[in-house]
Protein backbone atom coordinates (compact mmCIF):
# COMPACT_ATOMS: atom_id res chain seq x y z
CA UNK A 1 82.11 -42.46 -57.38
CA UNK A 2 80.63 -39.00 -58.17
CA UNK A 3 77.47 -38.89 -60.23
CA UNK A 4 78.03 -37.91 -63.86
CA UNK A 5 75.77 -35.47 -65.74
CA UNK A 6 75.58 -35.23 -69.53
CA UNK A 7 75.98 -31.62 -70.60
CA UNK A 8 73.65 -29.97 -73.13
CA UNK A 9 75.52 -26.68 -73.27
CA UNK A 10 74.98 -23.09 -72.18
CA UNK A 11 71.51 -21.50 -72.19
CA UNK A 12 70.56 -17.87 -71.68
CA UNK A 13 67.45 -17.08 -69.62
CA UNK A 14 65.97 -13.86 -68.25
CA UNK A 15 68.05 -14.50 -65.12
CA UNK A 16 71.34 -14.96 -66.97
CA UNK A 17 73.48 -17.89 -68.18
CA UNK A 18 72.74 -21.47 -67.16
CA UNK A 19 74.32 -24.81 -67.93
CA UNK A 20 71.75 -27.33 -69.17
CA UNK A 21 71.94 -31.07 -68.47
CA UNK A 22 70.10 -34.15 -69.68
CA UNK A 23 66.94 -34.68 -67.68
CA UNK A 24 66.04 -30.98 -67.57
CA UNK A 25 68.38 -29.91 -64.80
CA UNK A 26 69.86 -26.39 -65.00
CA UNK A 27 72.80 -24.86 -63.14
CA UNK A 28 72.64 -21.07 -62.79
CA UNK A 29 75.95 -19.30 -63.40
CA UNK A 30 76.80 -16.18 -61.40
CA UNK A 31 79.92 -14.04 -61.35
CA UNK A 32 82.38 -15.15 -58.69
CA UNK A 33 80.99 -18.69 -58.60
CA UNK A 34 83.54 -21.50 -58.47
CA UNK A 35 83.20 -23.75 -61.48
CA UNK A 36 84.86 -27.14 -61.42
CA UNK A 37 84.24 -29.99 -63.81
CA UNK A 38 86.04 -33.01 -65.08
CA UNK A 39 85.71 -35.98 -67.41
CA UNK A 40 85.98 -39.41 -65.86
CA UNK A 41 88.83 -41.69 -66.88
CA UNK A 42 87.71 -43.76 -69.85
CA UNK A 43 84.94 -41.31 -70.76
CA UNK A 44 83.94 -40.77 -74.39
CA UNK A 45 82.04 -38.00 -76.15
CA UNK A 46 78.90 -39.15 -77.93
CA UNK A 47 76.67 -37.50 -80.54
CA UNK A 48 73.94 -35.23 -79.13
CA UNK A 49 71.44 -36.23 -81.82
CA UNK A 50 69.24 -33.94 -83.92
CA UNK A 51 65.98 -32.02 -83.54
CA UNK A 52 65.36 -33.34 -80.04
CA UNK A 53 65.99 -37.00 -80.94
CA UNK A 54 68.87 -39.09 -79.61
CA UNK A 55 71.49 -40.39 -82.00
CA UNK A 56 70.33 -43.93 -82.89
CA UNK A 57 73.87 -45.34 -82.74
CA UNK A 58 75.32 -43.08 -79.99
CA UNK A 59 78.21 -42.35 -82.32
CA UNK A 60 81.51 -41.17 -80.83
CA UNK A 61 82.37 -37.62 -81.97
CA UNK A 62 85.69 -35.68 -81.94
CA UNK A 63 86.60 -33.63 -78.88
CA UNK A 64 87.24 -30.46 -80.91
CA UNK A 65 83.88 -30.46 -82.68
CA UNK A 66 81.67 -27.56 -81.55
CA UNK A 67 78.59 -29.24 -83.03
CA UNK A 68 79.01 -32.57 -81.20
CA UNK A 69 77.03 -34.40 -83.90
CA UNK A 70 77.87 -37.33 -86.13
CA UNK A 71 77.64 -36.82 -89.88
CA UNK A 72 74.08 -38.19 -90.18
CA UNK A 73 72.66 -36.22 -87.23
CA UNK A 74 74.37 -33.04 -88.47
CA UNK A 75 72.72 -33.53 -91.86
CA UNK A 76 69.29 -34.01 -90.28
CA UNK A 77 69.71 -30.98 -88.04
CA UNK A 78 70.75 -28.77 -90.94
CA UNK A 79 67.84 -29.98 -93.09
CA UNK A 80 65.43 -28.32 -90.66
CA UNK A 81 67.41 -25.17 -89.93
CA UNK A 82 66.29 -21.62 -90.64
CA UNK A 83 69.88 -20.49 -90.11
CA UNK A 84 71.01 -22.82 -92.89
CA UNK A 85 68.35 -21.32 -95.18
CA UNK A 86 66.69 -24.69 -95.77
CA UNK A 87 63.18 -23.60 -94.72
CA UNK A 88 61.27 -21.19 -96.93
CA UNK A 89 57.68 -21.63 -95.71
CA UNK A 90 57.99 -20.84 -91.98
CA UNK A 91 54.82 -18.80 -91.22
CA UNK A 92 56.24 -17.08 -88.13
CA UNK A 93 57.21 -13.38 -88.23
CA UNK A 94 60.93 -12.61 -88.06
CA UNK A 95 63.10 -9.79 -86.78
CA UNK A 96 66.05 -8.48 -88.77
CA UNK A 97 68.77 -7.19 -86.45
CA UNK A 98 72.15 -5.50 -86.45
CA UNK A 99 74.61 -6.95 -83.92
CA UNK A 100 77.91 -5.37 -82.81
CA UNK A 101 80.74 -7.46 -81.34
CA UNK A 102 83.58 -4.93 -81.37
CA UNK A 103 85.03 -2.09 -83.47
CA UNK A 104 84.51 -2.86 -87.16
CA UNK A 105 82.53 -6.03 -86.39
CA UNK A 106 78.80 -5.54 -87.05
CA UNK A 107 76.64 -8.19 -88.69
CA UNK A 108 73.09 -8.51 -89.94
CA UNK A 109 70.94 -11.47 -88.95
CA UNK A 110 67.41 -12.71 -88.43
CA UNK A 111 65.60 -14.39 -85.56
CA UNK A 112 62.01 -15.45 -84.94
CA UNK A 113 60.02 -12.64 -83.31
CA UNK A 114 58.86 -15.01 -80.56
CA UNK A 115 62.46 -15.60 -79.42
CA UNK A 116 63.00 -11.98 -78.44
CA UNK A 117 66.67 -11.18 -77.86
CA UNK A 118 67.72 -14.76 -76.98
CA UNK A 119 69.58 -15.20 -80.28
CA UNK A 120 71.66 -12.10 -79.61
CA UNK A 121 72.70 -13.38 -76.18
CA UNK A 122 73.56 -16.78 -77.69
CA UNK A 123 75.82 -15.11 -80.26
CA UNK A 124 77.57 -12.92 -77.71
CA UNK A 125 76.37 -9.63 -79.26
CA UNK A 126 77.70 -6.82 -77.07
CA UNK A 127 75.24 -4.33 -78.58
CA UNK A 128 72.33 -4.73 -80.99
CA UNK A 129 69.26 -3.06 -82.44
CA UNK A 130 66.27 -4.30 -84.37
CA UNK A 131 66.14 -3.18 -87.99
CA UNK A 132 62.76 -4.49 -89.14
CA UNK A 133 60.12 -7.19 -88.77
CA UNK A 134 58.10 -9.26 -91.23
CA UNK A 135 57.79 -12.64 -93.01
CA UNK A 136 60.79 -14.97 -93.25
CA UNK A 137 61.51 -14.46 -96.94
CA UNK A 138 61.24 -10.67 -96.61
CA UNK A 139 63.71 -10.84 -93.74
CA UNK A 140 66.04 -12.96 -95.88
CA UNK A 141 65.84 -10.46 -98.75
CA UNK A 142 66.71 -7.64 -96.35
CA UNK A 143 69.77 -9.56 -95.18
CA UNK A 144 70.87 -9.95 -98.78
CA UNK A 145 70.18 -6.26 -99.49
CA UNK A 146 72.52 -5.18 -96.69
CA UNK A 147 75.20 -7.65 -97.77
CA UNK A 148 75.09 -6.44 -101.36
CA UNK A 149 74.61 -2.69 -100.85
CA UNK A 150 76.54 -2.08 -97.63
CA UNK A 151 78.79 -5.16 -97.48
CA UNK A 152 77.48 -6.10 -94.06
CA UNK A 153 78.36 -9.75 -93.24
CA UNK A 154 75.85 -12.23 -91.85
CA UNK A 155 78.53 -14.13 -89.92
CA UNK A 156 81.49 -13.15 -87.75
CA UNK A 157 83.87 -15.87 -86.53
CA UNK A 158 83.81 -16.60 -82.81
CA UNK A 159 87.58 -16.22 -82.65
CA UNK A 160 87.23 -12.62 -83.82
CA UNK A 161 84.54 -11.88 -81.24
CA UNK A 162 86.63 -13.35 -78.42
CA UNK A 163 89.76 -11.48 -79.46
CA UNK A 164 88.30 -8.04 -78.65
CA UNK A 165 86.09 -8.65 -75.60
CA UNK A 166 88.63 -7.43 -73.06
CA UNK A 167 89.41 -4.24 -75.01
CA UNK A 168 85.98 -2.82 -75.88
CA UNK A 169 85.08 0.89 -75.62
CA UNK A 170 84.05 1.65 -72.02
CA UNK A 171 81.02 3.80 -72.90
CA UNK A 172 77.77 2.18 -74.02
CA UNK A 173 77.25 5.21 -76.28
CA UNK A 174 80.55 4.48 -78.04
CA UNK A 175 79.64 0.81 -78.38
CA UNK A 176 76.32 1.75 -80.00
CA UNK A 177 77.77 4.29 -82.44
CA UNK A 178 78.54 1.86 -85.28
CA UNK A 179 75.16 0.17 -84.92
CA UNK A 180 73.35 3.52 -85.08
CA UNK A 181 75.32 4.63 -88.15
CA UNK A 182 74.67 1.37 -89.98
CA UNK A 183 70.98 1.43 -89.03
CA UNK A 184 70.61 4.92 -90.57
CA UNK A 185 72.27 3.82 -93.82
CA UNK A 186 70.27 0.59 -93.96
CA UNK A 187 66.81 2.16 -93.58
CA UNK A 188 67.69 4.68 -96.30
CA UNK A 189 68.35 1.96 -98.88
CA UNK A 190 66.13 1.49 -101.90
CA UNK A 191 64.72 -1.97 -102.48
CA UNK A 192 63.35 -2.87 -99.03
CA UNK A 193 60.68 -5.60 -99.21
CA UNK A 194 57.25 -4.00 -98.81
CA UNK A 195 56.20 -6.61 -96.25
CA UNK A 196 59.09 -5.80 -93.91
CA UNK A 197 58.30 -3.00 -91.45
CA UNK A 198 61.27 -0.81 -90.54
CA UNK A 199 61.93 -0.39 -86.81
CA UNK A 200 63.60 2.57 -85.05
CA UNK A 201 67.18 2.37 -83.83
CA UNK A 202 67.05 1.48 -80.13
CA UNK A 203 70.43 -0.02 -79.16
CA UNK A 204 70.49 -2.62 -76.38
CA UNK A 205 73.81 -3.11 -74.57
CA UNK A 206 74.83 -6.50 -73.12
CA UNK A 207 78.22 -5.59 -71.61
CA UNK A 208 76.76 -5.65 -68.10
CA UNK A 209 74.78 -8.83 -68.74
CA UNK A 210 77.94 -10.59 -69.93
CA UNK A 211 80.17 -9.21 -67.14
CA UNK A 212 82.58 -7.56 -69.57
CA UNK A 213 83.35 -4.42 -67.55
CA UNK A 214 87.02 -4.57 -66.62
CA UNK A 215 87.42 -8.02 -68.15
CA UNK A 216 91.10 -9.07 -68.12
CA UNK A 217 92.76 -10.63 -71.16
CA UNK A 218 92.52 -14.39 -71.42
CA UNK A 219 95.83 -16.25 -71.34
CA UNK A 220 94.50 -19.40 -72.96
CA UNK A 221 91.51 -21.20 -74.46
CA UNK A 222 90.56 -24.82 -73.87
CA UNK A 223 90.72 -26.62 -77.21
CA UNK A 224 88.92 -29.82 -76.23
CA UNK A 225 87.85 -31.97 -73.31
CA UNK A 226 89.62 -35.28 -72.75
CA UNK A 227 89.05 -38.30 -70.54
CA UNK A 228 90.57 -37.68 -67.12
CA UNK A 229 90.84 -33.91 -67.73
CA UNK A 230 89.46 -31.15 -65.51
CA UNK A 231 89.15 -27.37 -65.12
CA UNK A 232 88.25 -25.30 -62.08
CA UNK A 233 88.31 -21.61 -61.22
CA UNK A 234 86.17 -18.54 -60.60
CA UNK A 235 83.67 -17.46 -63.23
CA UNK A 236 84.18 -13.80 -64.13
CA UNK A 237 82.23 -13.43 -67.39
CA UNK A 238 80.14 -15.27 -69.97
CA UNK A 239 79.21 -14.20 -73.50
CA UNK A 240 77.48 -16.27 -76.13
CA UNK A 241 78.64 -19.86 -75.56
CA UNK A 242 81.86 -18.73 -73.84
CA UNK A 243 82.79 -18.80 -70.16
CA UNK A 244 85.75 -16.82 -68.81
CA UNK A 245 87.20 -18.69 -65.86
CA UNK A 246 89.87 -17.17 -63.61
CA UNK A 247 92.46 -19.72 -62.51
CA UNK A 248 95.73 -19.37 -60.64
CA UNK A 249 97.52 -19.08 -63.99
CA UNK A 250 95.19 -16.43 -65.43
CA UNK A 251 91.87 -16.33 -67.25
CA UNK A 252 91.09 -19.39 -69.35
CA UNK A 253 88.24 -19.46 -71.84
CA UNK A 254 86.17 -22.60 -72.29
CA UNK A 255 83.69 -22.87 -75.15
CA UNK A 256 80.69 -24.65 -73.64
CA UNK A 257 79.92 -26.15 -77.03
CA UNK A 258 82.95 -28.36 -76.40
CA UNK A 259 81.19 -29.70 -73.28
CA UNK A 260 78.15 -31.09 -75.04
CA UNK A 261 78.08 -34.85 -75.44
CA UNK A 262 80.36 -35.46 -72.45
CA UNK A 263 79.35 -36.86 -69.09
CA UNK A 264 80.92 -34.56 -66.51
CA UNK A 265 81.73 -34.97 -62.85
CA UNK A 266 82.81 -32.47 -60.17
CA UNK A 267 86.54 -31.77 -60.31
CA UNK A 268 88.67 -32.55 -57.28
CA UNK A 269 89.80 -29.54 -55.28
CA UNK A 270 93.32 -28.40 -56.02
CA UNK A 271 93.05 -29.03 -59.77
CA UNK A 272 92.91 -25.85 -61.85
CA UNK A 273 93.54 -27.01 -65.37
CA UNK A 274 94.25 -30.43 -66.79
CA UNK A 275 92.86 -29.97 -70.32
CA UNK A 276 94.55 -29.03 -73.60
CA UNK A 277 94.84 -25.23 -73.77
CA UNK A 278 95.91 -22.99 -76.64
CA UNK A 279 97.99 -20.06 -75.44
CA UNK A 280 96.63 -16.66 -76.44
CA UNK A 281 98.71 -13.60 -77.14
CA UNK A 282 98.02 -10.10 -78.42
CA UNK A 283 95.40 -10.08 -81.17
CA UNK A 284 94.80 -13.79 -80.60
CA UNK A 285 93.45 -13.20 -77.09
CA UNK A 286 90.02 -14.75 -77.00
CA UNK A 287 87.38 -16.42 -74.92
CA UNK A 288 85.75 -19.78 -75.11
CA UNK A 289 83.00 -21.40 -73.08
CA UNK A 290 83.68 -23.37 -69.99
CA UNK A 291 82.02 -26.07 -67.97
CA UNK A 292 81.04 -25.95 -64.33
C-alpha cells in the first residue's frame, strides 16, 4: 500500500510554489509537472489545529471547508489573527499595499514588513505596489481611510479572482495602470496617519511567476476531496492557493486549501479526475488549487 502524506497546503517560496506536508517535507511545483493525488478508500479529513498545535480531538471536518478547522480550533486561530483585527499591540512594522487581481478588482491590505511580498503571492495578486509602512494601528487607519474616501475594498472573493485569470490584459503596463492611478489618489488624501511613511508607486507583476501567460479557460473546479477520489494531470499555472491542472477533459482548478487535513496517496496512472467538479462557463470560469 502506498505511503500516505498529510497535506498542509500550498506555500510560496523564493523558488516558486511548493506543497507542504506534515513532517516538514516540501514538494516543489513546476510548470509541466505531472500532478497526481488521491484519497484512500475510507479516508477522513481531520482538523488541522490552530497556531501550530494539533487539534486535541482530531475532529472530522467537512470536505468543502477551505479552513479545515473544527469550530474550537477556528475560534482559537482567529483570536490570534492580525487579519481578523484581534491584535492591536503587535510591535512589528507593517506595509500597506494595493493589490490588483483583474480589471476593476483592486484591494487595499496590510502585511508585516518582515514577510516581504509573501502575502501577495498567497492571495494571488497579479500586480501590486506598496503604499506605505509604519505601526500596525497606523496601517489599519490607512486601510480604513481608503475604504471610506475611495471605496477601496479590503477583500475580494476568490471566485472573482479566478474568473478573470485567463482573460487578463497581456501587457504588464496595462495591468499596473489601475494600481498606479489608485496609488496617486491615495497618497493625495488628507488624513494620513503621521506615523505611516508613504512609499513610491513601484508596481510588481506576478503574471510570469504564476504562469498566467496564455492561460486557457478552466472547464471545472474541484469542489471537495472525497475518500477514494483522485485527480491527475499536467500543472500549467498556480496563483494564490490555486493550481490549474490540464487533464484530458480540459483545465481543472483545485483549491489546495481543500487538500489540507487529508492524507493523500499517489493516484494510479490512467485516472484523470474522480472528484466532484463544478462546471465553469463564461463569467463563472475560475481556478482553484490542486493537489499533487
